[in-house]
């Protein structure tokens, strides 16, 4: 039987364990999650409509906290269900949503979906849980996230042991996400990115923040060798040498990808049918139209 690890890289039991252990210190370390919740709220403020039934998936209550700071936006938001792996009114797995079709007008998910094994399947479930013309706003970490830590650990472990295992989780790439939204049946799909560089006095502080956020790797295919002190010490040396700023602080990259998609509805803008354009492109460009058999300038 083929190894399922490449297709399903994460161990759900470990993801839940990491999140539950992080509950007590999450609020103090979740500056990226707070940034994401604020960004999703900013995007909602630009949409002049009311949303009655809202699911906040992940984020440990940060989206509701953000709404409380924005009374004008809160007035356009109805009831919010906070759902998370480890906290919230409802504890659930994003890959197994228990909600009826069309249950929500809005689903927001600040930095939760990057731990999902079957992201296409989870997006399909979210689209089904939205009513027609309902909105999904979700953010997740992208492929550039923790690239400095990933490279430092690989190089250090290779030097010390002669080989290296996967130590930092793989994340989705921007170019894939709009396509995944389209495959999941969303209308008007879009994806964009925000790159955040965080600076630490020491690389160890980065690891401490990741633990406090519940964002340490929960990989199914884990190396049987633990990270020894020798490997970590060498990794931190490499980190300081290669990824420090002019003041000697260790730099850590976090790429935050944001997805936007709508539940399909007949009122939404649709692309024109092929051949239905009322103006010629050549006229718009003020140039001569050529047949496919002519050479340019011939």
Protein backbone atom coordinates (compact mmCIF):
# COMPACT_ATOMS: atom_id res chain seq x y z
CA UNK A 1 0.00 0.00 0.00
CA UNK A 2 1.31 3.45 -0.90
CA UNK A 3 2.37 5.77 1.90
CA UNK A 4 -0.46 8.33 2.44
CA UNK A 5 1.87 10.89 3.99
CA UNK A 6 2.63 12.91 0.81
CA UNK A 7 -1.09 13.37 0.09
CA UNK A 8 -2.07 13.88 3.74
CA UNK A 9 0.96 15.50 5.39
CA UNK A 10 -0.61 16.42 8.73
CA UNK A 11 -1.58 14.29 11.72
CA UNK A 12 -4.97 15.62 12.95
CA UNK A 13 -4.40 14.28 16.48
CA UNK A 14 -1.18 16.29 16.74
CA UNK A 15 -2.78 19.42 15.28
CA UNK A 16 -5.50 19.27 17.98
CA UNK A 17 -2.91 18.57 20.66
CA UNK A 18 -0.78 21.55 19.63
CA UNK A 19 -3.79 23.88 19.58
CA UNK A 20 -5.11 22.73 22.96
CA UNK A 21 -1.73 23.13 24.64
CA UNK A 22 -1.50 26.66 23.24
CA UNK A 23 -4.83 27.87 24.62
CA UNK A 24 -3.42 29.50 27.76
CA UNK A 25 -0.73 31.57 26.03
CA UNK A 26 -2.39 32.04 22.65
CA UNK A 27 -3.64 35.59 23.19
CA UNK A 28 -0.16 36.84 24.06
CA UNK A 29 1.55 35.26 21.02
CA UNK A 30 -1.14 35.42 18.33
CA UNK A 31 -0.10 38.73 16.78
CA UNK A 32 -0.26 37.24 13.27
CA UNK A 33 -3.72 35.77 13.90
CA UNK A 34 -4.86 39.16 15.21
CA UNK A 35 -3.44 40.85 12.12
CA UNK A 36 -5.33 38.40 9.94
CA UNK A 37 -8.62 38.85 11.80
CA UNK A 38 -8.24 42.63 11.44
CA UNK A 39 -7.53 42.30 7.72
CA UNK A 40 -10.64 40.17 7.18
CA UNK A 41 -12.69 42.77 9.07
CA UNK A 42 -11.20 45.53 6.89
CA UNK A 43 -12.35 43.66 3.79
CA UNK A 44 -15.85 43.26 5.21
CA UNK A 45 -16.09 46.98 5.92
CA UNK A 46 -15.68 47.60 2.19
CA UNK A 47 -18.73 45.42 1.36
CA UNK A 48 -21.95 47.46 1.87
CA UNK A 49 -24.32 44.71 2.94
CA UNK A 50 -25.60 42.92 6.02
CA UNK A 51 -24.65 39.35 6.98
CA UNK A 52 -27.10 37.64 9.34
CA UNK A 53 -25.54 34.22 10.01
CA UNK A 54 -21.77 34.01 10.39
CA UNK A 55 -19.35 31.16 11.04
CA UNK A 56 -15.92 32.17 12.38
CA UNK A 57 -13.78 29.11 11.73
CA UNK A 58 -10.55 29.18 13.73
CA UNK A 59 -8.81 32.11 15.35
CA UNK A 60 -9.79 31.42 18.96
CA UNK A 61 -12.44 34.17 19.11
CA UNK A 62 -10.25 36.86 17.53
CA UNK A 63 -12.78 37.72 14.82
CA UNK A 64 -15.52 38.44 17.38
CA UNK A 65 -13.04 40.52 19.37
CA UNK A 66 -12.25 42.49 16.22
CA UNK A 67 -15.94 43.13 15.58
CA UNK A 68 -16.32 44.54 19.09
CA UNK A 69 -13.83 47.29 18.15
CA UNK A 70 -15.84 48.27 15.05
CA UNK A 71 -19.40 49.24 16.04
CA UNK A 72 -20.46 50.25 12.53
CA UNK A 73 -19.38 46.89 11.11
CA UNK A 74 -20.85 45.02 14.09
CA UNK A 75 -24.21 46.62 13.35
CA UNK A 76 -24.19 44.88 9.94
CA UNK A 77 -23.26 41.48 11.41
CA UNK A 78 -25.82 39.15 12.92
CA UNK A 79 -25.11 36.11 15.07
CA UNK A 80 -21.56 34.72 15.05
CA UNK A 81 -20.74 31.08 15.78
CA UNK A 82 -17.12 30.72 16.90
CA UNK A 83 -15.76 27.29 15.96
CA UNK A 84 -12.24 25.98 16.45
CA UNK A 85 -10.30 22.76 16.93
CA UNK A 86 -9.51 23.60 20.54
CA UNK A 87 -11.76 26.47 21.66
CA UNK A 88 -14.89 28.41 20.80
CA UNK A 89 -18.59 27.72 21.18
CA UNK A 90 -18.23 24.75 18.82
CA UNK A 91 -15.16 22.51 18.61
CA UNK A 92 -14.89 20.90 15.19
CA UNK A 93 -12.59 19.80 12.41
CA UNK A 94 -12.63 22.11 9.33
CA UNK A 95 -12.59 18.96 7.17
CA UNK A 96 -15.82 17.69 8.77
CA UNK A 97 -18.26 20.59 8.98
CA UNK A 98 -21.56 19.48 10.57
CA UNK A 99 -23.70 22.32 9.18
CA UNK A 100 -26.67 22.14 6.84
CA UNK A 101 -26.49 23.41 3.27
CA UNK A 102 -26.98 27.18 3.09
CA UNK A 103 -26.57 27.63 6.85
CA UNK A 104 -24.46 30.80 6.68
CA UNK A 105 -24.31 34.16 4.92
CA UNK A 106 -20.63 34.56 5.74
CA UNK A 107 -17.73 32.29 6.69
CA UNK A 108 -14.50 33.85 7.94
CA UNK A 109 -11.42 31.81 8.79
CA UNK A 110 -8.33 33.62 10.11
CA UNK A 111 -5.21 31.43 9.80
CA UNK A 112 -6.73 28.00 10.31
CA UNK A 113 -6.87 26.20 6.97
CA UNK A 114 -3.14 25.60 6.48
CA UNK A 115 -3.40 22.55 8.81
CA UNK A 116 -6.08 20.94 6.64
CA UNK A 117 -5.06 17.78 4.76
CA UNK A 118 -7.86 17.93 2.19
CA UNK A 119 -8.10 21.63 1.42
CA UNK A 120 -10.19 21.15 -1.77
CA UNK A 121 -12.67 19.03 0.20
CA UNK A 122 -12.82 21.57 3.04
CA UNK A 123 -13.49 24.39 0.56
CA UNK A 124 -16.31 22.39 -1.02
CA UNK A 125 -17.88 21.89 2.42
CA UNK A 126 -17.64 25.61 3.14
CA UNK A 127 -19.19 26.49 -0.20
CA UNK A 128 -22.08 24.11 0.51
CA UNK A 129 -22.54 25.65 3.97
CA UNK A 130 -22.95 29.10 2.38
CA UNK A 131 -26.27 30.28 1.03
CA UNK A 132 -26.34 31.52 -2.58
CA UNK A 133 -24.43 34.83 -2.76
CA UNK A 134 -22.84 34.11 0.63
CA UNK A 135 -19.21 35.07 1.17
CA UNK A 136 -16.07 33.19 2.21
CA UNK A 137 -13.09 35.14 3.56
CA UNK A 138 -10.22 32.94 4.71
CA UNK A 139 -6.51 33.34 5.35
CA UNK A 140 -3.79 30.73 5.70
CA UNK A 141 -0.01 30.58 5.75
CA UNK A 142 1.64 30.29 2.34
CA UNK A 143 4.72 28.56 1.01
CA UNK A 144 7.22 31.31 1.91
CA UNK A 145 6.34 30.99 5.60
CA UNK A 146 9.31 30.10 7.85
CA UNK A 147 11.62 29.61 4.88
CA UNK A 148 14.61 30.71 6.98
CA UNK A 149 13.90 28.16 9.71
CA UNK A 150 13.27 25.42 7.15
CA UNK A 151 16.61 25.98 5.39
CA UNK A 152 18.56 26.31 8.64
CA UNK A 153 17.21 23.04 10.02
CA UNK A 154 17.81 21.15 6.78
CA UNK A 155 21.40 22.35 6.53
CA UNK A 156 22.17 21.74 10.21
CA UNK A 157 20.69 18.23 10.29
CA UNK A 158 22.48 17.31 7.08
CA UNK A 159 25.79 18.42 8.55
CA UNK A 160 25.32 16.60 11.85
CA UNK A 161 23.66 13.36 10.72
CA UNK A 162 24.26 13.15 6.97
CA UNK A 163 20.54 13.44 6.17
CA UNK A 164 17.57 15.66 6.92
CA UNK A 165 13.88 15.03 7.58
CA UNK A 166 10.92 17.35 7.11
CA UNK A 167 10.80 19.64 10.17
CA UNK A 168 8.71 22.61 8.97
CA UNK A 169 5.23 22.07 7.55
CA UNK A 170 4.63 22.50 3.80
CA UNK A 171 2.20 25.27 2.92
CA UNK A 172 0.07 26.11 -0.12
CA UNK A 173 1.24 28.33 -2.98
CA UNK A 174 -0.68 31.43 -4.04
CA UNK A 175 -1.07 30.37 -7.67
CA UNK A 176 -2.91 27.20 -6.61
CA UNK A 177 -5.52 28.74 -4.34
CA UNK A 178 -7.75 30.67 -6.76
CA UNK A 179 -7.88 27.50 -8.86
CA UNK A 180 -8.90 25.49 -5.79
CA UNK A 181 -11.70 27.98 -5.06
CA UNK A 182 -12.94 27.62 -8.62
CA UNK A 183 -12.78 23.83 -8.40
CA UNK A 184 -14.78 23.98 -5.18
CA UNK A 185 -17.59 25.83 -7.00
CA UNK A 186 -17.06 29.38 -5.72
CA UNK A 187 -17.98 32.32 -7.93
CA UNK A 188 -15.64 35.29 -8.42
CA UNK A 189 -12.67 33.50 -6.77
CA UNK A 190 -9.62 35.55 -5.80
CA UNK A 191 -6.43 35.06 -3.79
CA UNK A 192 -3.80 37.59 -2.67
CA UNK A 193 -0.77 37.66 -0.40
CA UNK A 194 0.74 39.68 2.42
CA UNK A 195 4.36 39.03 3.44
CA UNK A 196 5.26 39.84 7.04
CA UNK A 197 8.83 39.86 8.34
CA UNK A 198 9.13 39.41 12.10
CA UNK A 199 12.45 40.09 13.85
CA UNK A 200 13.66 38.24 16.94
CA UNK A 201 16.59 38.84 19.24
CA UNK A 202 17.29 35.09 19.11
CA UNK A 203 15.96 32.27 16.87
CA UNK A 204 14.84 30.41 20.01
CA UNK A 205 12.25 33.15 20.57
CA UNK A 206 10.71 32.26 17.21
CA UNK A 207 10.27 28.64 18.30
CA UNK A 208 8.72 29.81 21.58
CA UNK A 209 6.20 31.96 19.68
CA UNK A 210 5.31 29.09 17.34
CA UNK A 211 4.61 26.83 20.33
CA UNK A 212 2.50 29.53 22.02
CA UNK A 213 0.50 30.00 18.79
CA UNK A 214 -0.03 26.24 18.39
CA UNK A 215 1.77 26.47 15.03
CA UNK A 216 4.60 23.96 15.49
CA UNK A 217 4.72 21.24 12.85
CA UNK A 218 2.23 18.37 13.25
CA UNK A 219 3.52 16.17 10.46
CA UNK A 220 2.36 12.63 9.79
CA UNK A 221 5.73 11.59 8.34
CA UNK A 222 7.97 12.61 11.25
CA UNK A 223 11.65 11.81 11.45
CA UNK A 224 12.34 9.02 13.98
CA UNK A 225 15.24 11.15 15.22
CA UNK A 226 14.41 14.01 17.50
CA UNK A 227 16.02 17.40 17.15
CA UNK A 228 19.11 17.04 19.33
CA UNK A 229 20.71 19.99 21.08
CA UNK A 230 23.61 19.70 18.68
CA UNK A 231 21.36 20.03 15.63
CA UNK A 232 19.43 22.94 17.14
CA UNK A 233 22.61 24.77 18.15
CA UNK A 234 24.01 24.40 14.64
CA UNK A 235 20.67 25.47 13.10
CA UNK A 236 20.63 28.61 15.25
CA UNK A 237 24.21 29.40 14.22
CA UNK A 238 23.24 29.10 10.53
CA UNK A 239 20.12 31.19 11.15
CA UNK A 240 22.12 34.02 12.75
CA UNK A 241 24.76 33.97 10.01
CA UNK A 242 22.42 33.88 7.01
CA UNK A 243 19.13 35.42 8.11
CA UNK A 244 19.92 38.34 10.42
CA UNK A 245 19.33 42.02 9.76
CA UNK A 246 21.90 44.80 10.14
CA UNK A 247 21.26 44.91 13.88
CA UNK A 248 21.81 41.17 14.31
CA UNK A 249 18.16 40.24 14.81
CA UNK A 250 16.90 36.97 13.33
CA UNK A 251 14.35 37.56 10.57
CA UNK A 252 11.36 35.23 10.10
CA UNK A 253 9.10 35.39 7.05
CA UNK A 254 5.36 34.72 7.26
CA UNK A 255 3.40 34.71 4.01
CA UNK A 256 -0.33 35.19 4.63
CA UNK A 257 -2.60 34.19 1.73
CA UNK A 258 -6.20 35.44 1.71
CA UNK A 259 -9.01 33.74 -0.20
CA UNK A 260 -12.24 35.36 -1.32
CA UNK A 261 -15.11 33.46 -2.91
CA UNK A 262 -18.89 33.76 -3.24
CA UNK A 263 -21.63 31.20 -3.26
CA UNK A 264 -22.93 31.16 -6.87
CA UNK A 265 -26.06 33.24 -7.53
CA UNK A 266 -27.80 34.37 -10.72
CA UNK A 267 -27.41 38.05 -9.79
CA UNK A 268 -23.60 37.89 -9.89
CA UNK A 269 -21.50 39.25 -12.72
CA UNK A 270 -20.68 36.60 -15.31
CA UNK A 271 -18.16 36.51 -18.16
CA UNK A 272 -19.54 37.18 -21.64
CA UNK A 273 -20.24 34.23 -23.92
CA UNK A 274 -17.53 33.55 -26.45
CA UNK A 275 -18.17 35.65 -29.59
CA UNK A 276 -20.68 37.99 -27.90
CA UNK A 277 -18.41 41.07 -27.70
CA UNK A 278 -19.94 44.24 -29.21
CA UNK A 279 -16.58 45.89 -30.07
CA UNK A 280 -13.50 44.64 -31.86
CA UNK A 281 -10.22 44.47 -29.96
CA UNK A 282 -8.39 45.91 -32.98
CA UNK A 283 -10.57 49.03 -32.82
CA UNK A 284 -9.90 49.45 -29.11
CA UNK A 285 -6.15 49.22 -29.71
CA UNK A 286 -6.30 51.45 -32.82
CA UNK A 287 -4.46 48.87 -34.91
CA UNK A 288 -5.04 46.80 -38.05
CA UNK A 289 -6.67 43.41 -37.60
CA UNK A 290 -4.77 40.53 -39.27
CA UNK A 291 -5.84 37.02 -40.06
CA UNK A 292 -3.93 34.16 -38.48
CA UNK A 293 -2.36 33.45 -41.87
CA UNK A 294 -0.69 36.86 -42.27
CA UNK A 295 2.73 37.75 -40.91
CA UNK A 296 2.94 40.93 -38.89
CA UNK A 297 4.19 43.73 -41.13
CA UNK A 298 3.73 41.58 -44.28
